[in-house]
Amino acid sequence: MRIKKDILEQIIKHAQEGAPIEMCGYLAGRNGVICKQYKMTNTDHSEKHFAFDPKEQFAAVKDARAEGLEFSAVYHSHPASPARPSQEDIRLAYDPSISYVIISLAGKQPDVQSFKIKDAQVAREDIEIVE
């Protein structure tokens, strides 16, 4: 996965500002580089799971189409657990073509990891930061 540095910084900031609630959103890009973040409201307001606001999802899809962007990833934070998919994350991974990015705040420094999930099989994905 290739992501612009400022977008990576923004998703970490989103996770930190919302802790201890899980923060979530979409990441979109073009030409294989993630260049836009769509913050979503976690309608569950939970420390252990998240759900997107359907109105915000619709607005994000509309905006991405208008800008010629493709959704590349779903991101969410793990305020108190490692940056790896939970059983619920795996169960709810509905699209094998996108990446699933997790920001862990459990350690001294934020840990951001990306995964591909297909048929309940999880594969870690390298993250390349671009300017």
Protein backbone atom coordinates (compact mmCIF):
# COMPACT_ATOMS: atom_id res chain seq x y z
CA MET A 1 0.00 0.00 0.00
CA ARG A 2 1.30 3.45 -0.92
CA ILE A 3 0.14 6.42 1.16
CA LYS A 4 1.03 10.10 1.26
CA LYS A 5 2.86 11.09 4.43
CA ASP A 6 0.36 13.79 5.40
CA ILE A 7 -2.55 11.33 5.12
CA LEU A 8 -0.75 8.86 7.39
CA GLU A 9 -0.18 11.65 9.90
CA GLN A 10 -3.87 12.64 9.69
CA ILE A 11 -5.17 9.15 10.45
CA ILE A 12 -2.83 8.86 13.44
CA LYS A 13 -4.06 12.25 14.68
CA HIS A 14 -7.69 11.18 14.18
CA ALA A 15 -7.06 8.04 16.25
CA GLN A 16 -5.35 10.01 19.03
CA GLU A 17 -8.02 12.71 19.21
CA GLY A 18 -10.82 10.17 19.51
CA ALA A 19 -9.24 7.81 22.02
CA PRO A 20 -10.46 5.80 23.86
CA ILE A 21 -13.21 5.42 21.21
CA GLU A 22 -12.26 3.61 17.99
CA MET A 23 -11.97 6.13 15.17
CA CYS A 24 -12.63 5.05 11.59
CA GLY A 25 -12.81 6.11 7.99
CA TYR A 26 -12.01 5.49 4.36
CA LEU A 27 -8.80 6.12 2.47
CA ALA A 28 -8.98 6.93 -1.23
CA GLY A 29 -6.47 7.50 -3.95
CA ARG A 30 -5.52 7.49 -7.57
CA ASN A 31 -2.75 5.81 -9.50
CA GLY A 32 -2.11 3.48 -6.58
CA VAL A 33 -1.36 6.23 -4.04
CA ILE A 34 -3.68 7.06 -1.14
CA CYS A 35 -4.13 10.83 -1.16
CA LYS A 36 -7.39 11.50 0.73
CA GLN A 37 -8.87 10.60 4.09
CA TYR A 38 -12.59 10.44 4.77
CA LYS A 39 -13.23 10.58 8.51
CA MET A 40 -16.33 8.69 9.54
CA THR A 41 -18.27 8.91 12.77
CA ASN A 42 -18.15 5.72 14.79
CA THR A 43 -21.88 5.42 15.38
CA ASP A 44 -21.23 2.67 17.96
CA HIS A 45 -19.16 5.11 20.08
CA SER A 46 -17.27 2.04 21.28
CA GLU A 47 -13.76 1.31 22.51
CA LYS A 48 -13.91 -2.19 20.96
CA HIS A 49 -15.66 -1.88 17.59
CA PHE A 50 -16.90 0.61 15.04
CA ALA A 51 -19.69 1.24 12.55
CA PHE A 52 -19.83 3.93 9.87
CA ASP A 53 -22.59 6.52 9.64
CA PRO A 54 -24.48 5.65 6.42
CA LYS A 55 -25.05 9.31 5.47
CA GLU A 56 -21.33 10.01 5.79
CA GLN A 57 -20.54 6.90 3.73
CA PHE A 58 -22.82 8.08 0.94
CA ALA A 59 -21.26 11.57 1.00
CA ALA A 60 -17.74 10.07 0.87
CA VAL A 61 -18.62 7.86 -2.11
CA LYS A 62 -20.16 10.83 -3.92
CA ASP A 63 -17.11 13.02 -3.23
CA ALA A 64 -14.62 10.35 -4.26
CA ARG A 65 -16.43 9.77 -7.55
CA ALA A 66 -16.52 13.51 -8.24
CA GLU A 67 -12.77 13.74 -7.63
CA GLY A 68 -11.94 10.62 -9.65
CA LEU A 69 -10.68 8.73 -6.60
CA GLU A 70 -10.99 5.06 -5.73
CA PHE A 71 -11.48 3.73 -2.22
CA SER A 72 -8.26 1.94 -1.33
CA ALA A 73 -8.72 1.16 2.36
CA VAL A 74 -10.85 1.19 5.47
CA TYR A 75 -9.00 2.37 8.55
CA HIS A 76 -9.78 2.22 12.23
CA SER A 77 -7.97 2.56 15.51
CA HIS A 78 -7.28 0.12 18.31
CA PRO A 79 -6.86 2.45 21.29
CA ALA A 80 -5.68 -0.27 23.70
CA SER A 81 -4.80 -3.30 21.58
CA PRO A 82 -2.18 -4.19 18.93
CA ALA A 83 -2.38 -3.21 15.27
CA ARG A 84 -3.74 -6.53 14.05
CA PRO A 85 -7.24 -7.49 12.98
CA SER A 86 -9.55 -8.76 15.70
CA GLN A 87 -11.87 -11.69 15.03
CA GLU A 88 -14.67 -9.15 14.48
CA ASP A 89 -12.48 -7.17 12.03
CA ILE A 90 -11.84 -10.36 10.06
CA ARG A 91 -15.50 -11.36 10.08
CA LEU A 92 -16.59 -7.93 8.83
CA ALA A 93 -13.91 -7.59 6.12
CA TYR A 94 -16.33 -7.47 3.21
CA ASP A 95 -14.07 -6.45 0.31
CA PRO A 96 -10.92 -8.44 -0.49
CA SER A 97 -9.79 -5.82 -3.01
CA ILE A 98 -9.15 -3.11 -0.41
CA SER A 99 -6.70 -2.77 2.44
CA TYR A 100 -7.59 -2.73 6.11
CA VAL A 101 -5.44 -0.26 8.05
CA ILE A 102 -5.24 -0.39 11.84
CA ILE A 103 -3.71 2.31 14.03
CA SER A 104 -2.74 1.00 17.46
CA LEU A 105 -2.27 3.41 20.33
CA ALA A 106 -1.38 0.66 22.82
CA GLY A 107 2.36 1.34 22.83
CA LYS A 108 4.53 4.38 23.45
CA GLN A 109 4.33 5.30 19.75
CA PRO A 110 1.39 4.77 17.37
CA ASP A 111 1.76 1.61 15.27
CA VAL A 112 0.12 1.59 11.84
CA GLN A 113 -0.26 -1.69 9.97
CA SER A 114 -2.07 -2.63 6.79
CA PHE A 115 -3.68 -5.96 5.89
CA LYS A 116 -5.44 -7.70 3.07
CA ILE A 117 -8.24 -9.98 4.27
CA LYS A 118 -9.83 -12.56 2.02
CA ASP A 119 -11.93 -15.55 3.08
CA ALA A 120 -10.92 -14.96 6.72
CA GLN A 121 -7.22 -15.19 5.77
CA VAL A 122 -5.13 -12.23 6.91
CA ALA A 123 -1.97 -11.09 5.12
CA ARG A 124 0.16 -8.20 6.33
CA GLU A 125 0.82 -5.61 3.66
CA ASP A 126 3.83 -3.30 3.40
CA ILE A 127 3.16 0.41 3.75
CA GLU A 128 5.19 2.73 1.55
CA ILE A 129 5.11 6.38 2.60
CA VAL A 130 5.35 8.87 -0.27
CA GLU A 131 5.71 12.65 -0.21
